[in-house]
N, C-alpha and C. Protein backbone atom coordinates (compact mmCIF):
# COMPACT_ATOMS: atom_id res chain seq x y z
N MET A 1 -78.22 43.00 171.07
CA MET A 1 -78.77 44.19 171.73
C MET A 1 -80.08 43.78 172.41
N ASP A 2 -80.22 44.14 173.68
CA ASP A 2 -81.46 43.81 174.39
C ASP A 2 -82.57 44.78 174.00
N ASN A 3 -83.81 44.46 174.41
CA ASN A 3 -84.96 45.29 174.05
C ASN A 3 -84.84 46.71 174.57
N GLU A 4 -84.40 46.87 175.82
CA GLU A 4 -84.29 48.21 176.39
C GLU A 4 -83.36 49.07 175.55
N THR A 5 -82.20 48.56 175.22
CA THR A 5 -81.23 49.30 174.41
C THR A 5 -81.80 49.58 173.02
N HIS A 6 -82.48 48.59 172.45
CA HIS A 6 -83.09 48.76 171.12
C HIS A 6 -84.08 49.94 171.12
N PHE A 7 -84.98 49.97 172.11
CA PHE A 7 -85.99 51.02 172.15
C PHE A 7 -85.38 52.38 172.51
N LEU A 8 -84.34 52.38 173.34
CA LEU A 8 -83.65 53.64 173.64
C LEU A 8 -82.96 54.18 172.38
N CYS A 9 -82.36 53.29 171.59
CA CYS A 9 -81.74 53.73 170.33
C CYS A 9 -82.78 54.29 169.38
N GLU A 10 -83.98 53.70 169.38
CA GLU A 10 -85.06 54.22 168.54
C GLU A 10 -85.45 55.63 168.99
N ALA A 11 -85.52 55.84 170.31
CA ALA A 11 -85.84 57.18 170.84
C ALA A 11 -84.75 58.18 170.46
N ILE A 12 -83.49 57.76 170.53
CA ILE A 12 -82.38 58.65 170.16
C ILE A 12 -82.45 59.00 168.68
N GLU A 13 -82.77 58.02 167.84
CA GLU A 13 -82.88 58.30 166.40
C GLU A 13 -84.01 59.28 166.11
N LEU A 14 -85.14 59.13 166.81
CA LEU A 14 -86.23 60.10 166.66
C LEU A 14 -85.75 61.50 167.06
N ALA A 15 -85.02 61.58 168.16
CA ALA A 15 -84.51 62.86 168.65
C ALA A 15 -83.52 63.47 167.66
N ARG A 16 -82.64 62.63 167.13
CA ARG A 16 -81.65 63.12 166.16
C ARG A 16 -82.33 63.67 164.91
N THR A 17 -83.29 62.95 164.39
CA THR A 17 -84.02 63.40 163.20
C THR A 17 -84.77 64.69 163.49
N ASN A 18 -85.40 64.76 164.66
CA ASN A 18 -86.13 65.97 165.03
C ASN A 18 -85.18 67.16 165.12
N SER A 19 -84.01 66.94 165.70
CA SER A 19 -83.00 68.00 165.81
C SER A 19 -82.53 68.45 164.42
N GLN A 20 -82.31 67.50 163.52
CA GLN A 20 -81.87 67.82 162.16
C GLN A 20 -82.94 68.59 161.40
N ASN A 21 -84.20 68.43 161.81
CA ASN A 21 -85.31 69.14 161.17
C ASN A 21 -85.66 70.44 161.89
N GLY A 22 -84.79 70.87 162.80
CA GLY A 22 -84.99 72.15 163.47
C GLY A 22 -85.67 72.08 164.82
N GLY A 23 -86.01 70.87 165.26
CA GLY A 23 -86.65 70.71 166.57
C GLY A 23 -85.64 70.48 167.67
N ARG A 24 -86.15 70.29 168.87
CA ARG A 24 -85.29 70.00 170.01
C ARG A 24 -84.94 68.51 170.01
N PRO A 25 -83.78 68.15 170.56
CA PRO A 25 -83.29 66.77 170.45
C PRO A 25 -83.90 65.79 171.46
N PHE A 26 -85.21 65.57 171.33
CA PHE A 26 -85.88 64.64 172.23
C PHE A 26 -86.85 63.76 171.45
N GLY A 27 -86.81 62.46 171.78
CA GLY A 27 -87.71 61.49 171.18
C GLY A 27 -88.19 60.52 172.24
N ALA A 28 -89.35 59.92 172.02
CA ALA A 28 -89.91 58.97 172.97
C ALA A 28 -90.64 57.85 172.23
N VAL A 29 -90.60 56.67 172.85
CA VAL A 29 -91.24 55.49 172.29
C VAL A 29 -92.08 54.85 173.40
N VAL A 30 -93.34 54.56 173.11
CA VAL A 30 -94.21 53.86 174.07
C VAL A 30 -94.36 52.43 173.59
N VAL A 31 -94.06 51.49 174.49
CA VAL A 31 -94.06 50.07 174.16
C VAL A 31 -95.02 49.33 175.09
N LYS A 32 -95.80 48.42 174.49
CA LYS A 32 -96.67 47.55 175.28
C LYS A 32 -96.53 46.14 174.73
N ASP A 33 -96.28 45.20 175.62
CA ASP A 33 -96.12 43.79 175.23
C ASP A 33 -95.06 43.63 174.14
N GLY A 34 -93.98 44.40 174.25
CA GLY A 34 -92.87 44.28 173.31
C GLY A 34 -93.07 44.96 171.98
N GLU A 35 -94.22 45.60 171.78
CA GLU A 35 -94.53 46.26 170.51
C GLU A 35 -94.59 47.77 170.69
N VAL A 36 -94.04 48.51 169.74
CA VAL A 36 -94.13 49.97 169.76
C VAL A 36 -95.57 50.34 169.41
N ILE A 37 -96.22 51.08 170.30
CA ILE A 37 -97.59 51.51 170.00
C ILE A 37 -97.66 52.99 169.64
N ALA A 38 -96.62 53.75 170.01
CA ALA A 38 -96.60 55.18 169.66
C ALA A 38 -95.19 55.73 169.81
N THR A 39 -94.91 56.76 169.05
CA THR A 39 -93.65 57.49 169.18
C THR A 39 -93.98 58.98 169.19
N GLY A 40 -93.04 59.74 169.67
CA GLY A 40 -93.22 61.19 169.67
C GLY A 40 -91.89 61.90 169.68
N VAL A 41 -91.92 63.13 169.21
CA VAL A 41 -90.74 63.99 169.27
C VAL A 41 -91.15 65.31 169.90
N ASN A 42 -90.18 66.05 170.33
CA ASN A 42 -90.45 67.35 170.94
C ASN A 42 -90.93 68.30 169.84
N GLU A 43 -92.14 68.84 170.03
CA GLU A 43 -92.75 69.73 169.03
C GLU A 43 -92.94 71.15 169.55
N ILE A 44 -92.24 71.50 170.60
CA ILE A 44 -92.40 72.83 171.19
C ILE A 44 -92.17 73.94 170.17
N LEU A 45 -91.10 73.83 169.40
CA LEU A 45 -90.75 74.89 168.46
C LEU A 45 -91.67 74.96 167.25
N THR A 46 -92.26 73.83 166.86
CA THR A 46 -93.14 73.84 165.69
C THR A 46 -94.58 74.18 166.04
N THR A 47 -94.97 73.94 167.30
CA THR A 47 -96.36 74.17 167.69
C THR A 47 -96.54 75.36 168.65
N ASN A 48 -95.44 75.85 169.19
CA ASN A 48 -95.48 76.89 170.23
C ASN A 48 -96.29 76.43 171.44
N ASP A 49 -96.29 75.13 171.66
CA ASP A 49 -96.99 74.52 172.79
C ASP A 49 -95.93 74.05 173.79
N PRO A 50 -95.86 74.68 174.96
CA PRO A 50 -94.82 74.31 175.93
C PRO A 50 -95.01 72.91 176.50
N THR A 51 -96.16 72.27 176.26
CA THR A 51 -96.37 70.91 176.75
C THR A 51 -96.07 69.86 175.68
N ALA A 52 -95.66 70.26 174.51
CA ALA A 52 -95.45 69.33 173.39
C ALA A 52 -94.08 68.65 173.47
N HIS A 53 -93.80 68.08 174.63
CA HIS A 53 -92.56 67.32 174.81
C HIS A 53 -92.72 65.97 174.12
N ALA A 54 -91.62 65.33 173.81
CA ALA A 54 -91.66 64.04 173.12
C ALA A 54 -92.51 63.02 173.88
N GLU A 55 -92.33 62.97 175.19
CA GLU A 55 -93.09 62.00 175.99
C GLU A 55 -94.59 62.31 175.94
N MET A 56 -94.93 63.58 176.02
CA MET A 56 -96.34 63.98 176.00
C MET A 56 -96.98 63.64 174.65
N THR A 57 -96.28 63.92 173.55
CA THR A 57 -96.85 63.62 172.24
C THR A 57 -97.00 62.11 172.07
N ALA A 58 -96.03 61.34 172.56
CA ALA A 58 -96.12 59.88 172.47
C ALA A 58 -97.25 59.35 173.35
N LEU A 59 -97.42 59.90 174.55
CA LEU A 59 -98.51 59.46 175.43
C LEU A 59 -99.86 59.76 174.80
N ARG A 60 -100.00 60.93 174.20
CA ARG A 60 -101.27 61.29 173.56
C ARG A 60 -101.60 60.31 172.44
N LEU A 61 -100.60 60.01 171.61
CA LEU A 61 -100.83 59.08 170.50
C LEU A 61 -101.12 57.67 171.01
N ALA A 62 -100.42 57.25 172.05
CA ALA A 62 -100.66 55.91 172.62
C ALA A 62 -102.07 55.81 173.17
N SER A 63 -102.51 56.84 173.87
CA SER A 63 -103.87 56.84 174.43
C SER A 63 -104.92 56.79 173.33
N GLN A 64 -104.67 57.51 172.24
CA GLN A 64 -105.60 57.49 171.12
C GLN A 64 -105.63 56.11 170.47
N LYS A 65 -104.46 55.51 170.30
CA LYS A 65 -104.40 54.19 169.67
C LYS A 65 -105.08 53.14 170.54
N LEU A 66 -104.86 53.21 171.85
CA LEU A 66 -105.47 52.24 172.76
C LEU A 66 -106.91 52.61 173.13
N LYS A 67 -107.34 53.80 172.70
CA LYS A 67 -108.68 54.31 173.02
C LYS A 67 -108.94 54.33 174.53
N SER A 68 -107.90 54.76 175.26
CA SER A 68 -108.00 54.82 176.72
C SER A 68 -106.91 55.73 177.28
N PRO A 69 -107.23 56.47 178.34
CA PRO A 69 -106.18 57.24 179.01
C PRO A 69 -105.32 56.36 179.92
N ASN A 70 -105.72 55.09 180.07
CA ASN A 70 -105.01 54.16 180.94
C ASN A 70 -103.92 53.45 180.14
N LEU A 71 -102.68 53.74 180.46
CA LEU A 71 -101.55 53.13 179.76
C LEU A 71 -100.83 52.11 180.63
N GLN A 72 -101.58 51.45 181.51
CA GLN A 72 -100.98 50.41 182.34
C GLN A 72 -100.40 49.33 181.44
N GLY A 73 -99.26 48.83 181.85
CA GLY A 73 -98.58 47.82 181.06
C GLY A 73 -97.65 48.39 180.02
N CYS A 74 -97.63 49.70 179.88
CA CYS A 74 -96.74 50.34 178.90
C CYS A 74 -95.43 50.75 179.56
N THR A 75 -94.39 50.76 178.77
CA THR A 75 -93.09 51.28 179.16
C THR A 75 -92.74 52.40 178.19
N VAL A 76 -92.16 53.46 178.71
CA VAL A 76 -91.75 54.58 177.86
C VAL A 76 -90.23 54.64 177.83
N TYR A 77 -89.69 54.75 176.64
CA TYR A 77 -88.25 54.89 176.41
C TYR A 77 -88.02 56.27 175.83
N THR A 78 -87.15 57.04 176.45
CA THR A 78 -86.92 58.41 176.00
C THR A 78 -85.45 58.67 175.78
N SER A 79 -85.19 59.62 174.91
CA SER A 79 -83.80 59.99 174.64
C SER A 79 -83.19 60.73 175.83
N GLY A 80 -84.00 61.56 176.51
CA GLY A 80 -83.49 62.36 177.62
C GLY A 80 -84.30 62.17 178.88
N HIS A 81 -83.72 62.58 179.98
CA HIS A 81 -84.38 62.48 181.29
C HIS A 81 -85.71 63.22 181.24
N PRO A 82 -86.83 62.54 181.49
CA PRO A 82 -88.13 63.21 181.42
C PRO A 82 -88.24 64.33 182.46
N CYS A 83 -88.85 65.43 182.05
CA CYS A 83 -89.08 66.55 182.96
C CYS A 83 -90.18 66.16 183.95
N PRO A 84 -90.39 66.96 185.00
CA PRO A 84 -91.44 66.65 185.97
C PRO A 84 -92.83 66.55 185.35
N MET A 85 -93.14 67.38 184.37
CA MET A 85 -94.46 67.32 183.73
C MET A 85 -94.66 65.97 183.05
N CYS A 86 -93.67 65.55 182.31
CA CYS A 86 -93.77 64.28 181.59
C CYS A 86 -93.79 63.10 182.55
N MET A 87 -92.96 63.18 183.59
CA MET A 87 -92.94 62.11 184.58
C MET A 87 -94.30 62.00 185.27
N ALA A 88 -94.89 63.14 185.61
CA ALA A 88 -96.21 63.12 186.25
C ALA A 88 -97.26 62.57 185.30
N ALA A 89 -97.22 62.96 184.04
CA ALA A 89 -98.19 62.46 183.06
C ALA A 89 -98.08 60.95 182.91
N MET A 90 -96.86 60.44 182.89
CA MET A 90 -96.67 58.99 182.77
C MET A 90 -97.24 58.28 183.99
N ARG A 91 -97.02 58.84 185.18
CA ARG A 91 -97.57 58.24 186.40
C ARG A 91 -99.09 58.28 186.39
N LEU A 92 -99.66 59.42 186.01
CA LEU A 92 -101.11 59.55 185.97
C LEU A 92 -101.73 58.58 184.96
N ALA A 93 -101.01 58.28 183.89
CA ALA A 93 -101.50 57.38 182.85
C ALA A 93 -101.32 55.91 183.22
N GLY A 94 -100.57 55.64 184.29
CA GLY A 94 -100.36 54.26 184.71
C GLY A 94 -99.20 53.56 184.03
N VAL A 95 -98.31 54.32 183.40
CA VAL A 95 -97.12 53.72 182.76
C VAL A 95 -96.35 52.97 183.84
N LYS A 96 -95.89 51.76 183.51
CA LYS A 96 -95.24 50.93 184.53
C LYS A 96 -93.75 51.21 184.69
N ALA A 97 -93.10 51.72 183.65
CA ALA A 97 -91.66 51.96 183.73
C ALA A 97 -91.23 52.98 182.68
N VAL A 98 -90.14 53.65 182.97
CA VAL A 98 -89.54 54.58 182.01
C VAL A 98 -88.03 54.39 182.05
N SER A 99 -87.42 54.42 180.87
CA SER A 99 -85.96 54.37 180.76
C SER A 99 -85.53 55.52 179.87
N TYR A 100 -84.40 56.14 180.20
CA TYR A 100 -83.91 57.25 179.39
C TYR A 100 -82.42 57.09 179.12
N ALA A 101 -81.97 57.62 177.98
CA ALA A 101 -80.61 57.43 177.51
C ALA A 101 -79.64 58.54 177.93
N TYR A 102 -80.12 59.76 178.04
CA TYR A 102 -79.29 60.90 178.41
C TYR A 102 -79.82 61.47 179.72
N SER A 103 -78.92 61.70 180.67
CA SER A 103 -79.32 62.22 181.99
C SER A 103 -79.39 63.75 181.98
N ASN A 104 -79.90 64.29 183.07
CA ASN A 104 -79.88 65.74 183.23
C ASN A 104 -78.45 66.26 183.25
N ASP A 105 -77.54 65.51 183.85
CA ASP A 105 -76.12 65.91 183.85
C ASP A 105 -75.57 65.95 182.43
N ASP A 106 -75.98 65.00 181.58
CA ASP A 106 -75.54 65.00 180.18
C ASP A 106 -76.06 66.23 179.45
N GLY A 107 -77.29 66.65 179.76
CA GLY A 107 -77.91 67.76 179.06
C GLY A 107 -77.55 69.14 179.59
N ALA A 108 -77.09 69.21 180.84
CA ALA A 108 -76.83 70.51 181.49
C ALA A 108 -75.92 71.43 180.70
N PRO A 109 -74.79 70.97 180.16
CA PRO A 109 -73.90 71.89 179.43
C PRO A 109 -74.56 72.51 178.18
N PHE A 110 -75.68 71.94 177.75
CA PHE A 110 -76.34 72.39 176.53
C PHE A 110 -77.68 73.07 176.81
N GLY A 111 -77.95 73.34 178.09
CA GLY A 111 -79.21 73.96 178.47
C GLY A 111 -80.39 73.02 178.36
N LEU A 112 -80.15 71.71 178.45
CA LEU A 112 -81.19 70.72 178.26
C LEU A 112 -81.45 69.89 179.53
N SER A 113 -81.25 70.49 180.68
CA SER A 113 -81.48 69.80 181.95
C SER A 113 -82.71 70.39 182.64
N THR A 114 -83.47 69.53 183.27
CA THR A 114 -84.62 69.98 184.07
C THR A 114 -84.36 69.77 185.56
N ALA A 115 -83.11 69.55 185.93
CA ALA A 115 -82.77 69.29 187.33
C ALA A 115 -83.20 70.44 188.24
N ALA A 116 -83.07 71.67 187.77
CA ALA A 116 -83.45 72.82 188.60
C ALA A 116 -84.95 72.82 188.88
N ILE A 117 -85.75 72.37 187.93
CA ILE A 117 -87.20 72.30 188.15
C ILE A 117 -87.52 71.23 189.19
N TYR A 118 -86.86 70.08 189.07
CA TYR A 118 -87.05 69.03 190.08
C TYR A 118 -86.69 69.56 191.47
N GLU A 119 -85.59 70.27 191.56
CA GLU A 119 -85.15 70.82 192.85
C GLU A 119 -86.17 71.81 193.40
N ASP A 120 -86.68 72.68 192.55
CA ASP A 120 -87.66 73.67 192.98
C ASP A 120 -88.94 72.99 193.45
N LEU A 121 -89.40 71.99 192.71
CA LEU A 121 -90.63 71.29 193.08
C LEU A 121 -90.51 70.51 194.38
N ALA A 122 -89.30 70.17 194.77
CA ALA A 122 -89.10 69.43 196.03
C ALA A 122 -89.24 70.33 197.26
N LYS A 123 -89.24 71.63 197.05
CA LYS A 123 -89.36 72.58 198.17
C LYS A 123 -90.82 72.73 198.58
N PRO A 124 -91.07 73.16 199.82
CA PRO A 124 -92.45 73.50 200.21
C PRO A 124 -92.97 74.61 199.30
N PHE A 125 -94.30 74.65 199.10
CA PHE A 125 -94.88 75.64 198.20
C PHE A 125 -94.36 77.05 198.48
N ALA A 126 -94.29 77.43 199.73
CA ALA A 126 -93.90 78.80 200.10
C ALA A 126 -92.48 79.14 199.67
N GLU A 127 -91.67 78.15 199.41
CA GLU A 127 -90.26 78.39 199.03
C GLU A 127 -90.00 78.22 197.53
N GLN A 128 -91.02 77.83 196.78
CA GLN A 128 -90.81 77.61 195.35
C GLN A 128 -90.78 78.93 194.59
N SER A 129 -90.20 78.90 193.39
CA SER A 129 -90.04 80.11 192.59
C SER A 129 -91.37 80.63 192.02
N MET A 130 -92.37 79.78 191.94
CA MET A 130 -93.68 80.16 191.44
C MET A 130 -94.63 80.28 192.64
N THR A 131 -95.43 81.32 192.66
CA THR A 131 -96.41 81.48 193.73
C THR A 131 -97.51 80.44 193.57
N ILE A 132 -97.76 79.69 194.64
CA ILE A 132 -98.79 78.65 194.63
C ILE A 132 -99.65 78.87 195.86
N ARG A 133 -100.95 79.12 195.63
CA ARG A 133 -101.84 79.42 196.77
C ARG A 133 -103.13 78.63 196.64
N TYR A 134 -103.60 78.12 197.75
CA TYR A 134 -104.92 77.51 197.83
C TYR A 134 -105.88 78.60 198.27
N VAL A 135 -106.87 78.90 197.43
CA VAL A 135 -107.88 79.91 197.74
C VAL A 135 -109.23 79.19 197.63
N ARG A 136 -109.76 78.77 198.76
CA ARG A 136 -111.01 77.99 198.75
C ARG A 136 -112.13 78.87 198.20
N THR A 137 -112.70 78.47 197.06
CA THR A 137 -113.74 79.23 196.39
C THR A 137 -114.82 78.26 195.93
N ARG A 138 -116.08 78.63 196.14
CA ARG A 138 -117.21 77.81 195.72
C ARG A 138 -118.24 78.73 195.06
N LEU A 139 -118.98 78.21 194.08
CA LEU A 139 -120.03 78.97 193.42
C LEU A 139 -121.28 78.95 194.29
N GLU A 140 -121.90 80.12 194.42
CA GLU A 140 -123.14 80.20 195.20
C GLU A 140 -124.27 79.51 194.46
N ASN A 141 -125.14 78.89 195.22
CA ASN A 141 -126.33 78.24 194.68
C ASN A 141 -126.02 77.16 193.64
N GLN A 142 -124.85 76.57 193.73
CA GLN A 142 -124.45 75.49 192.83
C GLN A 142 -123.98 74.30 193.66
N PRO A 143 -124.19 73.08 193.16
CA PRO A 143 -123.67 71.93 193.91
C PRO A 143 -122.14 71.96 193.92
N ASP A 144 -121.58 71.31 194.92
CA ASP A 144 -120.13 71.20 194.99
C ASP A 144 -119.60 70.56 193.72
N LEU A 145 -118.57 71.13 193.15
CA LEU A 145 -118.01 70.67 191.87
C LEU A 145 -117.66 69.20 191.89
N TYR A 146 -116.90 68.76 192.89
CA TYR A 146 -116.44 67.38 192.94
C TYR A 146 -117.57 66.41 193.28
N ALA A 147 -118.41 66.79 194.22
CA ALA A 147 -119.54 65.92 194.60
C ALA A 147 -120.49 65.76 193.42
N ASP A 148 -120.72 66.82 192.66
CA ASP A 148 -121.59 66.77 191.49
C ASP A 148 -120.99 65.86 190.43
N TRP A 149 -119.69 65.96 190.21
CA TRP A 149 -119.02 65.09 189.25
C TRP A 149 -119.17 63.63 189.66
N LYS A 150 -118.93 63.32 190.94
CA LYS A 150 -119.02 61.95 191.44
C LYS A 150 -120.44 61.41 191.25
N ARG A 151 -121.43 62.24 191.53
CA ARG A 151 -122.83 61.84 191.36
C ARG A 151 -123.09 61.46 189.90
N ARG A 152 -122.59 62.26 188.98
CA ARG A 152 -122.79 61.98 187.55
C ARG A 152 -122.07 60.69 187.12
N GLN A 153 -120.88 60.48 187.68
CA GLN A 153 -120.13 59.26 187.38
C GLN A 153 -120.88 58.03 187.88
N ASP A 154 -121.42 58.14 189.10
CA ASP A 154 -122.17 57.02 189.68
C ASP A 154 -123.40 56.69 188.86
N LYS A 155 -124.05 57.72 188.29
CA LYS A 155 -125.24 57.50 187.45
C LYS A 155 -124.88 56.73 186.19
N ARG A 156 -123.67 56.97 185.65
CA ARG A 156 -123.24 56.32 184.41
C ARG A 156 -122.88 54.86 184.64
N SER A 157 -122.55 54.53 185.88
CA SER A 157 -122.11 53.15 186.19
C SER A 157 -123.25 52.18 186.28
């Protein structure tokens, strides 16, 4: 068994155990330099947190273990196709690759597909199911939020 298959099987086992314990059937493994640095399972039902996907919980633990939000050099192995939120979080964290064992097509008959969300997000804002508006707002008598942040960052450097 190659490493990719090994880590995907580990993610599936996490998902299976989580499902047997009343959770949703999703697990994730974060690997760096061939070593597992964090794992996670879907905790939405136990925490009532809609962001507590397996990938998100694994990313949070990996960042804590590495003491950095930068997960460059890490690969994430998941039991199911990552949703757009998880995929974006992995990209923002610098994850170099992701592999998943079950596709959105595999999950669709069971209500476990995020394909519709991907499709909606691919549309222009005006055509998406959620209202998205840019409303330029600034605080009076205050420095620009982003410029002020940059100034503070430059002072720390």
